[in-house]
Amino acid sequence: MKTHKDVEAPYKCDVDGCSKSYFTPNSLTSHMRSHHKEEELRCQWTGCGKKFDKPCRLKTHMRVHTGQRPFACTYEVGGE
């Protein structure tokens, strides 16, 4: 019986020096976006530099640095 580790992942990164491979095309696409292509998806905050595969994830991450909390809680506490 073959296990997951015995099967070679068919979707391989073709960037020189990168040996990553994945079982789904979406995983390879995510890898390419975050590691090899879109530098604009890197956090520009001094000392951070984290990379993201989607603009929405970078936008959400930036809240860590800015303290922005755009979603107000509307839950009321108490019985008034």
PDB file of N, CA and C in Angstrom:
ATOM      1  N   MET A   1       0.833  -1.175   0.000  1.00  0.00           N
ATOM      2  CA  MET A   1       0.000   0.000   0.000  1.00  0.00           C
ATOM      3  C   MET A   1       0.888   1.252   0.000  1.00  0.00           C
ATOM      4  N   LYS A   2       0.586   2.162  -0.898  1.00  0.00           N
ATOM      5  CA  LYS A   2       1.346   3.403  -0.956  1.00  0.00           C
ATOM      6  C   LYS A   2       0.795   4.381   0.073  1.00  0.00           C
ATOM      7  N   THR A   3       1.700   5.075   0.713  1.00  0.00           N
ATOM      8  CA  THR A   3       1.283   6.129   1.633  1.00  0.00           C
ATOM      9  C   THR A   3       1.501   7.472   0.961  1.00  0.00           C
ATOM     10  N   HIS A   4       1.007   8.498   1.582  1.00  0.00           N
ATOM     11  CA  HIS A   4       1.139   9.856   1.043  1.00  0.00           C
ATOM     12  C   HIS A   4       2.612  10.201   0.781  1.00  0.00           C
ATOM     13  N   LYS A   5       3.491   9.730   1.650  1.00  0.00           N
ATOM     14  CA  LYS A   5       4.916  10.042   1.506  1.00  0.00           C
ATOM     15  C   LYS A   5       5.563   9.286   0.354  1.00  0.00           C
ATOM     16  N   ASP A   6       4.941   8.203  -0.088  1.00  0.00           N
ATOM     17  CA  ASP A   6       5.495   7.415  -1.188  1.00  0.00           C
ATOM     18  C   ASP A   6       5.141   7.992  -2.555  1.00  0.00           C
ATOM     19  N   VAL A   7       4.166   8.872  -2.597  1.00  0.00           N
ATOM     20  CA  VAL A   7       3.686   9.434  -3.856  1.00  0.00           C
ATOM     21  C   VAL A   7       4.357  10.783  -4.085  1.00  0.00           C
ATOM     22  N   GLU A   8       4.866  10.966  -5.289  1.00  0.00           N
ATOM     23  CA  GLU A   8       5.531  12.223  -5.618  1.00  0.00           C
ATOM     24  C   GLU A   8       4.494  13.274  -5.998  1.00  0.00           C
ATOM     25  N   ALA A   9       4.623  14.451  -5.416  1.00  0.00           N
ATOM     26  CA  ALA A   9       3.694  15.541  -5.727  1.00  0.00           C
ATOM     27  C   ALA A   9       3.930  15.997  -7.164  1.00  0.00           C
ATOM     28  N   PRO A  10       2.889  16.055  -7.981  1.00  0.00           N
ATOM     29  CA  PRO A  10       3.058  16.326  -9.411  1.00  0.00           C
ATOM     30  C   PRO A  10       3.266  17.790  -9.790  1.00  0.00           C
ATOM     31  N   TYR A  11       2.917  18.717  -8.913  1.00  0.00           N
ATOM     32  CA  TYR A  11       3.018  20.139  -9.263  1.00  0.00           C
ATOM     33  C   TYR A  11       4.286  20.720  -8.653  1.00  0.00           C
ATOM     34  N   LYS A  12       5.283  20.925  -9.515  1.00  0.00           N
ATOM     35  CA  LYS A  12       6.610  21.329  -9.058  1.00  0.00           C
ATOM     36  C   LYS A  12       6.892  22.796  -9.368  1.00  0.00           C
ATOM     37  N   CYS A  13       7.549  23.446  -8.437  1.00  0.00           N
ATOM     38  CA  CYS A  13       7.977  24.827  -8.647  1.00  0.00           C
ATOM     39  C   CYS A  13       9.130  24.806  -9.642  1.00  0.00           C
ATOM     40  N   ASP A  14       9.059  25.663 -10.667  1.00  0.00           N
ATOM     41  CA  ASP A  14      10.100  25.666 -11.697  1.00  0.00           C
ATOM     42  C   ASP A  14      11.121  26.790 -11.520  1.00  0.00           C
ATOM     43  N   VAL A  15      11.127  27.440 -10.364  1.00  0.00           N
ATOM     44  CA  VAL A  15      12.098  28.495 -10.088  1.00  0.00           C
ATOM     45  C   VAL A  15      13.430  27.852  -9.726  1.00  0.00           C
ATOM     46  N   ASP A  16      14.518  28.346 -10.337  1.00  0.00           N
ATOM     47  CA  ASP A  16      15.853  27.811 -10.057  1.00  0.00           C
ATOM     48  C   ASP A  16      16.149  27.852  -8.563  1.00  0.00           C
ATOM     49  N   GLY A  17      16.613  26.737  -8.042  1.00  0.00           N
ATOM     50  CA  GLY A  17      16.992  26.654  -6.640  1.00  0.00           C
ATOM     51  C   GLY A  17      15.855  26.289  -5.697  1.00  0.00           C
ATOM     52  N   CYS A  18      14.645  26.193  -6.203  1.00  0.00           N
ATOM     53  CA  CYS A  18      13.499  25.829  -5.361  1.00  0.00           C
ATOM     54  C   CYS A  18      13.089  24.400  -5.693  1.00  0.00           C
ATOM     55  N   SER A  19      12.992  23.575  -4.685  1.00  0.00           N
ATOM     56  CA  SER A  19      12.650  22.169  -4.912  1.00  0.00           C
ATOM     57  C   SER A  19      11.258  21.814  -4.399  1.00  0.00           C
ATOM     58  N   LYS A  20      10.441  22.802  -4.128  1.00  0.00           N
ATOM     59  CA  LYS A  20       9.102  22.549  -3.596  1.00  0.00           C
ATOM     60  C   LYS A  20       8.204  21.900  -4.642  1.00  0.00           C
ATOM     61  N   SER A  21       7.342  21.009  -4.178  1.00  0.00           N
ATOM     62  CA  SER A  21       6.335  20.406  -5.045  1.00  0.00           C
ATOM     63  C   SER A  21       5.057  20.221  -4.232  1.00  0.00           C
ATOM     64  N   TYR A  22       3.937  20.198  -4.938  1.00  0.00           N
ATOM     65  CA  TYR A  22       2.633  20.192  -4.280  1.00  0.00           C
ATOM     66  C   TYR A  22       1.690  19.204  -4.945  1.00  0.00           C
ATOM     67  N   PHE A  23       0.656  18.820  -4.212  1.00  0.00           N
ATOM     68  CA  PHE A  23      -0.317  17.864  -4.714  1.00  0.00           C
ATOM     69  C   PHE A  23      -1.481  18.527  -5.441  1.00  0.00           C
ATOM     70  N   THR A  24      -1.626  19.828  -5.288  1.00  0.00           N
ATOM     71  CA  THR A  24      -2.717  20.526  -5.979  1.00  0.00           C
ATOM     72  C   THR A  24      -2.168  21.751  -6.706  1.00  0.00           C
ATOM     73  N   PRO A  25      -2.778  22.118  -7.819  1.00  0.00           N
ATOM     74  CA  PRO A  25      -2.328  23.316  -8.534  1.00  0.00           C
ATOM     75  C   PRO A  25      -2.548  24.585  -7.715  1.00  0.00           C
ATOM     76  N   ASN A  26      -3.587  24.612  -6.890  1.00  0.00           N
ATOM     77  CA  ASN A  26      -3.823  25.790  -6.055  1.00  0.00           C
ATOM     78  C   ASN A  26      -2.701  26.005  -5.048  1.00  0.00           C
ATOM     79  N   SER A  27      -2.177  24.928  -4.498  1.00  0.00           N
ATOM     80  CA  SER A  27      -1.070  25.042  -3.548  1.00  0.00           C
ATOM     81  C   SER A  27       0.176  25.585  -4.231  1.00  0.00           C
ATOM     82  N   LEU A  28       0.449  25.127  -5.440  1.00  0.00           N
ATOM     83  CA  LEU A  28       1.598  25.638  -6.187  1.00  0.00           C
ATOM     84  C   LEU A  28       1.402  27.118  -6.510  1.00  0.00           C
ATOM     85  N   THR A  29       0.202  27.496  -6.919  1.00  0.00           N
ATOM     86  CA  THR A  29      -0.079  28.899  -7.224  1.00  0.00           C
ATOM     87  C   THR A  29       0.140  29.776  -6.000  1.00  0.00           C
ATOM     88  N   SER A  30      -0.329  29.329  -4.864  1.00  0.00           N
ATOM     89  CA  SER A  30      -0.138  30.073  -3.619  1.00  0.00           C
ATOM     90  C   SER A  30       1.347  30.220  -3.299  1.00  0.00           C
ATOM     91  N   HIS A  31       2.107  29.152  -3.466  1.00  0.00           N
ATOM     92  CA  HIS A  31       3.556  29.177  -3.248  1.00  0.00           C
ATOM     93  C   HIS A  31       4.222  30.188  -4.172  1.00  0.00           C
ATOM     94  N   MET A  32       3.855  30.169  -5.430  1.00  0.00           N
ATOM     95  CA  MET A  32       4.470  31.077  -6.403  1.00  0.00           C
ATOM     96  C   MET A  32       4.177  32.533  -6.055  1.00  0.00           C
ATOM     97  N   ARG A  33       2.957  32.803  -5.648  1.00  0.00           N
ATOM     98  CA  ARG A  33       2.592  34.178  -5.291  1.00  0.00           C
ATOM     99  C   ARG A  33       3.352  34.665  -4.075  1.00  0.00           C
ATOM    100  N   SER A  34       3.483  33.817  -3.080  1.00  0.00           N
ATOM    101  CA  SER A  34       4.075  34.275  -1.829  1.00  0.00           C
ATOM    102  C   SER A  34       5.595  34.196  -1.798  1.00  0.00           C
ATOM    103  N   HIS A  35       6.197  33.356  -2.611  1.00  0.00           N
ATOM    104  CA  HIS A  35       7.641  33.174  -2.520  1.00  0.00           C
ATOM    105  C   HIS A  35       8.440  33.641  -3.722  1.00  0.00           C
ATOM    106  N   HIS A  36       7.824  33.794  -4.864  1.00  0.00           N
ATOM    107  CA  HIS A  36       8.631  34.057  -6.053  1.00  0.00           C
ATOM    108  C   HIS A  36       8.210  35.241  -6.901  1.00  0.00           C
ATOM    109  N   LYS A  37       7.034  35.753  -6.744  1.00  0.00           N
ATOM    110  CA  LYS A  37       6.594  36.749  -7.708  1.00  0.00           C
ATOM    111  C   LYS A  37       6.300  38.104  -7.093  1.00  0.00           C
ATOM    112  N   GLU A  38       5.204  38.221  -6.437  1.00  0.00           N
ATOM    113  CA  GLU A  38       4.633  39.512  -6.138  1.00  0.00           C
ATOM    114  C   GLU A  38       5.218  40.149  -4.881  1.00  0.00           C
ATOM    115  N   GLU A  39       6.326  40.860  -5.042  1.00  0.00           N
ATOM    116  CA  GLU A  39       6.958  41.524  -3.913  1.00  0.00           C
ATOM    117  C   GLU A  39       6.044  42.573  -3.286  1.00  0.00           C
ATOM    118  N   GLU A  40       5.061  43.063  -4.052  1.00  0.00           N
ATOM    119  CA  GLU A  40       4.138  44.031  -3.473  1.00  0.00           C
ATOM    120  C   GLU A  40       3.258  43.393  -2.402  1.00  0.00           C
ATOM    121  N   LEU A  41       3.286  42.092  -2.309  1.00  0.00           N
ATOM    122  CA  LEU A  41       2.533  41.402  -1.272  1.00  0.00           C
ATOM    123  C   LEU A  41       3.406  41.104  -0.056  1.00  0.00           C
ATOM    124  N   ARG A  42       4.457  41.866   0.084  1.00  0.00           N
ATOM    125  CA  ARG A  42       5.330  41.766   1.251  1.00  0.00           C
ATOM    126  C   ARG A  42       5.006  42.952   2.162  1.00  0.00           C
ATOM    127  N   CYS A  43       4.894  42.695   3.444  1.00  0.00           N
ATOM    128  CA  CYS A  43       4.627  43.763   4.402  1.00  0.00           C
ATOM    129  C   CYS A  43       5.812  44.726   4.411  1.00  0.00           C
ATOM    130  N   GLN A  44       5.527  45.998   4.204  1.00  0.00           N
ATOM    131  CA  GLN A  44       6.571  47.020   4.136  1.00  0.00           C
ATOM    132  C   GLN A  44       6.861  47.661   5.492  1.00  0.00           C
ATOM    133  N   TRP A  45       6.185  47.222   6.537  1.00  0.00           N
ATOM    134  CA  TRP A  45       6.401  47.772   7.870  1.00  0.00           C
ATOM    135  C   TRP A  45       7.837  47.470   8.293  1.00  0.00           C
ATOM    136  N   THR A  46       8.524  48.460   8.805  1.00  0.00           N
ATOM    137  CA  THR A  46       9.926  48.307   9.194  1.00  0.00           C
ATOM    138  C   THR A  46      10.102  47.127  10.150  1.00  0.00           C
ATOM    139  N   GLY A  47      10.979  46.214   9.768  1.00  0.00           N
ATOM    140  CA  GLY A  47      11.289  45.061  10.599  1.00  0.00           C
ATOM    141  C   GLY A  47      10.367  43.866  10.427  1.00  0.00           C
ATOM    142  N   CYS A  48       9.355  43.974   9.580  1.00  0.00           N
ATOM    143  CA  CYS A  48       8.418  42.853   9.419  1.00  0.00           C
ATOM    144  C   CYS A  48       8.780  42.025   8.184  1.00  0.00           C
ATOM    145  N   GLY A  49       8.358  42.462   7.006  1.00  0.00           N
ATOM    146  CA  GLY A  49       8.710  41.771   5.772  1.00  0.00           C
ATOM    147  C   GLY A  49       7.981  40.472   5.489  1.00  0.00           C
ATOM    148  N   LYS A  50       6.926  40.146   6.241  1.00  0.00           N
ATOM    149  CA  LYS A  50       6.172  38.918   5.961  1.00  0.00           C
ATOM    150  C   LYS A  50       5.598  38.973   4.557  1.00  0.00           C
ATOM    151  N   LYS A  51       5.472  37.803   3.936  1.00  0.00           N
ATOM    152  CA  LYS A  51       4.937  37.711   2.578  1.00  0.00           C
ATOM    153  C   LYS A  51       3.572  37.042   2.604  1.00  0.00           C
ATOM    154  N   PHE A  52       2.734  37.436   1.643  1.00  0.00           N
ATOM    155  CA  PHE A  52       1.375  36.922   1.577  1.00  0.00           C
ATOM    156  C   PHE A  52       1.038  36.508   0.161  1.00  0.00           C
ATOM    157  N   ASP A  53       0.129  35.543   0.054  1.00  0.00           N
ATOM    158  CA  ASP A  53      -0.253  35.043  -1.264  1.00  0.00           C
ATOM    159  C   ASP A  53      -1.447  35.784  -1.845  1.00  0.00           C
ATOM    160  N   LYS A  54      -2.139  36.562  -1.028  1.00  0.00           N
ATOM    161  CA  LYS A  54      -3.308  37.303  -1.508  1.00  0.00           C
ATOM    162  C   LYS A  54      -3.307  38.701  -0.899  1.00  0.00           C
ATOM    163  N   PRO A  55      -3.712  39.704  -1.673  1.00  0.00           N
ATOM    164  CA  PRO A  55      -3.755  41.075  -1.153  1.00  0.00           C
ATOM    165  C   PRO A  55      -4.626  41.215   0.097  1.00  0.00           C
ATOM    166  N   CYS A  56      -5.723  40.477   0.161  1.00  0.00           N
ATOM    167  CA  CYS A  56      -6.605  40.595   1.323  1.00  0.00           C
ATOM    168  C   CYS A  56      -5.915  40.126   2.601  1.00  0.00           C
ATOM    169  N   ARG A  57      -5.018  39.160   2.488  1.00  0.00           N
ATOM    170  CA  ARG A  57      -4.300  38.678   3.673  1.00  0.00           C
ATOM    171  C   ARG A  57      -3.268  39.700   4.146  1.00  0.00           C
ATOM    172  N   LEU A  58      -2.636  40.392   3.207  1.00  0.00           N
ATOM    173  CA  LEU A  58      -1.712  41.464   3.582  1.00  0.00           C
ATOM    174  C   LEU A  58      -2.480  42.587   4.265  1.00  0.00           C
ATOM    175  N   LYS A  59      -3.619  42.949   3.709  1.00  0.00           N
ATOM    176  CA  LYS A  59      -4.441  44.020   4.279  1.00  0.00           C
ATOM    177  C   LYS A  59      -4.849  43.680   5.715  1.00  0.00           C
ATOM    178  N   THR A  60      -5.279  42.454   5.934  1.00  0.00           N
ATOM    179  CA  THR A  60      -5.659  42.021   7.278  1.00  0.00           C
ATOM    180  C   THR A  60      -4.457  42.034   8.210  1.00  0.00           C
ATOM    181  N   HIS A  61      -3.313  41.581   7.733  1.00  0.00           N
ATOM    182  CA  HIS A  61      -2.092  41.558   8.535  1.00  0.00           C
ATOM    183  C   HIS A  61      -1.687  42.958   8.979  1.00  0.00           C
ATOM    184  N   MET A  62      -1.862  43.943   8.121  1.00  0.00           N
ATOM    185  CA  MET A  62      -1.438  45.308   8.445  1.00  0.00           C
ATOM    186  C   MET A  62      -2.127  45.839   9.698  1.00  0.00           C
ATOM    187  N   ARG A  63      -3.282  45.298  10.029  1.00  0.00           N
ATOM    188  CA  ARG A  63      -3.977  45.721  11.247  1.00  0.00           C
ATOM    189  C   ARG A  63      -3.173  45.403  12.497  1.00  0.00           C
ATOM    190  N   VAL A  64      -2.311  44.395  12.434  1.00  0.00           N
ATOM    191  CA  VAL A  64      -1.436  44.067  13.560  1.00  0.00           C
ATOM    192  C   VAL A  64      -0.551  45.268  13.875  1.00  0.00           C
ATOM    193  N   HIS A  65      -0.074  45.936  12.841  1.00  0.00           N
ATOM    194  CA  HIS A  65       0.834  47.063  13.016  1.00  0.00           C
ATOM    195  C   HIS A  65       0.108  48.373  13.307  1.00  0.00           C
ATOM    196  N   THR A  66      -1.037  48.585  12.671  1.00  0.00           N
ATOM    197  CA  THR A  66      -1.733  49.867  12.787  1.00  0.00           C
ATOM    198  C   THR A  66      -2.710  49.924  13.952  1.00  0.00           C
ATOM    199  N   GLY A  67      -3.122  48.765  14.448  1.00  0.00           N
ATOM    200  CA  GLY A  67      -4.115  48.731  15.513  1.00  0.00           C
ATOM    201  C   GLY A  67      -5.526  48.987  15.019  1.00  0.00           C
ATOM    202  N   GLN A  68      -5.695  49.074  13.718  1.00  0.00           N
ATOM    203  CA  GLN A  68      -7.005  49.332  13.127  1.00  0.00           C
ATOM    204  C   GLN A  68      -7.956  48.178  13.441  1.00  0.00           C
ATOM    205  N   ARG A  69      -9.160  48.531  13.881  1.00  0.00           N
ATOM    206  CA  ARG A  69     -10.193  47.538  14.170  1.00  0.00           C
ATOM    207  C   ARG A  69     -11.473  48.011  13.481  1.00  0.00           C
ATOM    208  N   PRO A  70     -11.639  47.673  12.208  1.00  0.00           N
ATOM    209  CA  PRO A  70     -12.734  48.232  11.422  1.00  0.00           C
ATOM    210  C   PRO A  70     -14.119  47.650  11.711  1.00  0.00           C
ATOM    211  N   PHE A  71     -14.179  46.602  12.498  1.00  0.00           N
ATOM    212  CA  PHE A  71     -15.465  45.966  12.751  1.00  0.00           C
ATOM    213  C   PHE A  71     -15.861  46.177  14.204  1.00  0.00           C
ATOM    214  N   ALA A  72     -16.852  47.022  14.439  1.00  0.00           N
ATOM    215  CA  ALA A  72     -17.304  47.317  15.796  1.00  0.00           C
ATOM    216  C   ALA A  72     -18.268  46.237  16.274  1.00  0.00           C
ATOM    217  N   CYS A  73     -18.119  45.857  17.525  1.00  0.00           N
ATOM    218  CA  CYS A  73     -19.025  44.883  18.125  1.00  0.00           C
ATOM    219  C   CYS A  73     -20.344  45.587  18.445  1.00  0.00           C
ATOM    220  N   THR A  74     -21.451  44.995  18.046  1.00  0.00           N
ATOM    221  CA  THR A  74     -22.767  45.583  18.307  1.00  0.00           C
ATOM    222  C   THR A  74     -23.515  44.824  19.401  1.00  0.00           C
ATOM    223  N   TYR A  75     -22.846  43.893  20.029  1.00  0.00           N
ATOM    224  CA  TYR A  75     -23.462  43.100  21.087  1.00  0.00           C
ATOM    225  C   TYR A  75     -23.600  43.957  22.338  1.00  0.00           C
ATOM    226  N   GLU A  76     -24.801  44.007  22.897  1.00  0.00           N
ATOM    227  CA  GLU A  76     -25.042  44.806  24.092  1.00  0.00           C
ATOM    228  C   GLU A  76     -25.033  43.905  25.313  1.00  0.00           C
ATOM    229  N   VAL A  77     -24.305  44.323  26.331  1.00  0.00           N
ATOM    230  CA  VAL A  77     -24.221  43.571  27.579  1.00  0.00           C
ATOM    231  C   VAL A  77     -25.204  44.192  28.566  1.00  0.00           C
ATOM    232  N   GLY A  78     -25.926  43.364  29.282  1.00  0.00           N
ATOM    233  CA  GLY A  78     -26.862  43.886  30.277  1.00  0.00           C
ATOM    234  C   GLY A  78     -28.296  43.683  29.846  1.00  0.00           C
ATOM    235  N   GLY A  79     -29.200  43.985  30.724  1.00  0.00           N
ATOM    236  CA  GLY A  79     -30.603  43.732  30.435  1.00  0.00           C
ATOM    237  C   GLY A  79     -31.432  44.985  30.313  1.00  0.00           C
ATOM    238  N   GLU A  80     -30.897  46.039  29.842  1.00  0.00           N
ATOM    239  CA  GLU A  80     -31.650  47.291  29.733  1.00  0.00           C
ATOM    240  C   GLU A  80     -32.502  47.348  28.515  1.00  0.00           C
TER     241      GLU A  80
END
